[in-house]
C-alpha atoms as a PDB file:
ATOM      1  CA  MET A   1      17.988 138.350-100.040  1.00  0.00           C
ATOM      2  CA  MET A   2      20.306 138.394 -96.966  1.00  0.00           C
ATOM      3  CA  PRO A   3      22.242 141.545 -96.293  1.00  0.00           C
ATOM      4  CA  GLN A   4      25.554 141.643 -98.203  1.00  0.00           C
ATOM      5  CA  LEU A   5      27.352 144.757 -96.642  1.00  0.00           C
ATOM      6  CA  VAL A   6      27.049 146.835 -93.439  1.00  0.00           C
ATOM      7  CA  THR A   7      28.362 150.199 -93.428  1.00  0.00           C
ATOM      8  CA  VAL A   8      29.264 152.169 -90.153  1.00  0.00           C
ATOM      9  CA  LYS A   9      30.143 155.540 -89.978  1.00  0.00           C
ATOM     10  CA  MET A  10      31.017 157.281 -86.753  1.00  0.00           C
ATOM     11  CA  MET A  11      31.363 161.216 -86.552  1.00  0.00           C
ATOM     12  CA  ARG A  12      34.059 162.188 -84.028  1.00  0.00           C
ATOM     13  CA  PRO A  13      33.758 165.171 -81.890  1.00  0.00           C
ATOM     14  CA  ASN A  14      36.246 166.992 -84.051  1.00  0.00           C
ATOM     15  CA  GLY A  15      33.792 166.448 -87.058  1.00  0.00           C
ATOM     16  CA  ARG A  16      36.133 163.840 -88.819  1.00  0.00           C
ATOM     17  CA  PRO A  17      34.127 160.849 -90.008  1.00  0.00           C
ATOM     18  CA  ILE A  18      35.374 157.045 -89.713  1.00  0.00           C
ATOM     19  CA  ARG A  19      33.830 154.694 -92.049  1.00  0.00           C
ATOM     20  CA  ILE A  20      34.033 150.791 -91.709  1.00  0.00           C
ATOM     21  CA  TRP A  21      32.669 148.456 -94.499  1.00  0.00           C
ATOM     22  CA  VAL A  22      31.875 144.968 -93.077  1.00  0.00           C
ATOM     23  CA  PRO A  23      30.991 142.192 -95.605  1.00  0.00           C
ATOM     24  CA  VAL A  24      28.384 139.922 -94.116  1.00  0.00           C
ATOM     25  CA  LEU A  25      29.323 136.595 -95.682  1.00  0.00           C
ATOM     26  CA  PRO A  26      32.780 136.457 -94.677  1.00  0.00           C
ATOM     27  CA  VAL A  27      32.015 137.340 -91.088  1.00  0.00           C
ATOM     28  CA  LEU A  28      29.083 134.789 -91.376  1.00  0.00           C
ATOM     29  CA  LEU A  29      31.415 132.131 -92.339  1.00  0.00           C
ATOM     30  CA  VAL A  30      33.966 132.843 -89.561  1.00  0.00           C
ATOM     31  CA  LEU A  31      31.053 132.901 -87.186  1.00  0.00           C
ATOM     32  CA  SER A  32      29.190 130.030 -88.485  1.00  0.00           C
ATOM     33  CA  PRO A  33      29.980 127.676 -85.488  1.00  0.00           C
ATOM     34  CA  LEU A  34      28.374 130.314 -83.102  1.00  0.00           C
ATOM     35  CA  VAL A  35      25.243 130.583 -85.725  1.00  0.00           C
ATOM     36  CA  VAL A  36      24.868 126.744 -85.685  1.00  0.00           C
ATOM     37  CA  LEU A  37      25.096 126.672 -81.714  1.00  0.00           C
ATOM     38  CA  ALA A  38      22.361 129.656 -81.683  1.00  0.00           C
ATOM     39  CA  ALA A  39      20.318 127.674 -84.009  1.00  0.00           C
ATOM     40  CA  VAL A  40      20.239 124.579 -81.804  1.00  0.00           C
ATOM     41  CA  VAL A  41      19.529 126.877 -78.677  1.00  0.00           C
ATOM     42  CA  ALA A  42      16.567 128.608 -80.430  1.00  0.00           C
ATOM     43  CA  ALA A  43      15.224 125.242 -81.725  1.00  0.00           C
ATOM     44  CA  VAL A  44      15.275 123.994 -77.780  1.00  0.00           C
ATOM     45  CA  ALA A  45      13.858 127.325 -76.814  1.00  0.00           C
ATOM     46  CA  CYS A  46      11.125 126.848 -79.168  1.00  0.00           C
ATOM     47  CA  LEU A  47      10.320 123.242 -78.054  1.00  0.00           C
ATOM     48  CA  VAL A  48      10.254 124.347 -74.443  1.00  0.00           C
ATOM     49  CA  TYR A  49       7.963 127.088 -75.105  1.00  0.00           C
ATOM     50  CA  ARG A  50       5.739 125.064 -77.475  1.00  0.00           C
ATOM     51  CA  ILE A  51       6.558 127.225 -80.376  1.00  0.00           C
ATOM     52  CA  SER A  52       6.251 125.902 -84.045  1.00  0.00           C
ATOM     53  CA  LEU A  53       9.960 125.504 -85.101  1.00  0.00           C
ATOM     54  CA  LEU A  54       9.335 125.894 -88.772  1.00  0.00           C
ATOM     55  CA  ARG A  55       7.308 129.105 -88.206  1.00  0.00           C
ATOM     56  CA  ALA A  56       9.931 130.431 -85.748  1.00  0.00           C
ATOM     57  CA  PHE A  57      12.834 130.122 -88.213  1.00  0.00           C
ATOM     58  CA  GLY A  58      10.506 131.185 -91.137  1.00  0.00           C
ATOM     59  CA  THR A  59       9.948 134.405 -89.067  1.00  0.00           C
ATOM     60  CA  GLY A  60      13.731 134.949 -88.186  1.00  0.00           C
ATOM     61  CA  TRP A  61      14.659 134.419 -92.153  1.00  0.00           C
ATOM     62  CA  ARG A  62      11.882 136.866 -93.108  1.00  0.00           C
ATOM     63  CA  ILE A  63      13.489 139.330 -90.558  1.00  0.00           C
ATOM     64  CA  MET A  64      17.031 138.924 -92.011  1.00  0.00           C
ATOM     65  CA  SER A  65      15.504 139.322 -95.647  1.00  0.00           C
ATOM     66  CA  ALA A  66      13.949 142.577 -94.636  1.00  0.00           C
ATOM     67  CA  LEU A  67      17.113 144.276 -93.250  1.00  0.00           C
ATOM     68  CA  PRO A  68      18.724 145.363 -96.669  1.00  0.00           C
ATOM     69  CA  GLY A  69      17.970 149.276 -96.802  1.00  0.00           C
ATOM     70  CA  THR A  70      17.999 149.582 -92.988  1.00  0.00           C
ATOM     71  CA  ARG A  71      19.606 152.581 -91.710  1.00  0.00           C
ATOM     72  CA  VAL A  72      20.008 153.484 -87.935  1.00  0.00           C
ATOM     73  CA  ASP A  73      21.305 156.820 -86.854  1.00  0.00           C
ATOM     74  CA  VAL A  74      22.257 157.571 -83.262  1.00  0.00           C
ATOM     75  CA  GLU A  75      23.566 161.243 -82.193  1.00  0.00           C
ATOM     76  CA  HIS A  76      24.655 161.964 -78.722  1.00  0.00           C
ATOM     77  CA  GLY A  77      26.108 165.612 -78.301  1.00  0.00           C
ATOM     78  CA  ARG A  78      28.701 166.082 -81.166  1.00  0.00           C
ATOM     79  CA  ALA A  79      29.301 162.433 -81.788  1.00  0.00           C
ATOM     80  CA  ALA A  80      27.119 160.127 -84.043  1.00  0.00           C
ATOM     81  CA  VAL A  81      26.960 156.740 -85.366  1.00  0.00           C
ATOM     82  CA  LEU A  82      25.216 155.741 -88.867  1.00  0.00           C
ATOM     83  CA  VAL A  83      24.580 152.036 -89.312  1.00  0.00           C
ATOM     84  CA  SER A  84      23.453 151.251 -92.795  1.00  0.00           C
ATOM     85  CA  ILE A  85      22.712 147.769 -94.243  1.00  0.00           C
ATOM     86  CA  ARG A  86      22.793 146.898 -97.822  1.00  0.00           C
END
C-alpha cells in the first residue's frame, strides 16, 4: 500500500512545535510530470547499466510499499524534526 500522509513536526528552539500534514496523493498528482520523467530516466539508466527493468521497478514499488510506519527523528541542539509516514 502506498503511503497516504506524511507528518512533519519541527520543534523550535523556544519549545513550540510546528506540525505540517502533507497528503501524498495530491502532491503526487501535481508532480506527476516529474514522476514520469524520473521513470524514463530510471529506465534508460537500467538499460545502460544492464539491470532488469522489471526487477528495478518492482524493487522501487516494494520500497514505496514499505514506507508506511516509518519515523525519522533528527535532533540538533534544542531544535528537532520528526517525519512520520502513514
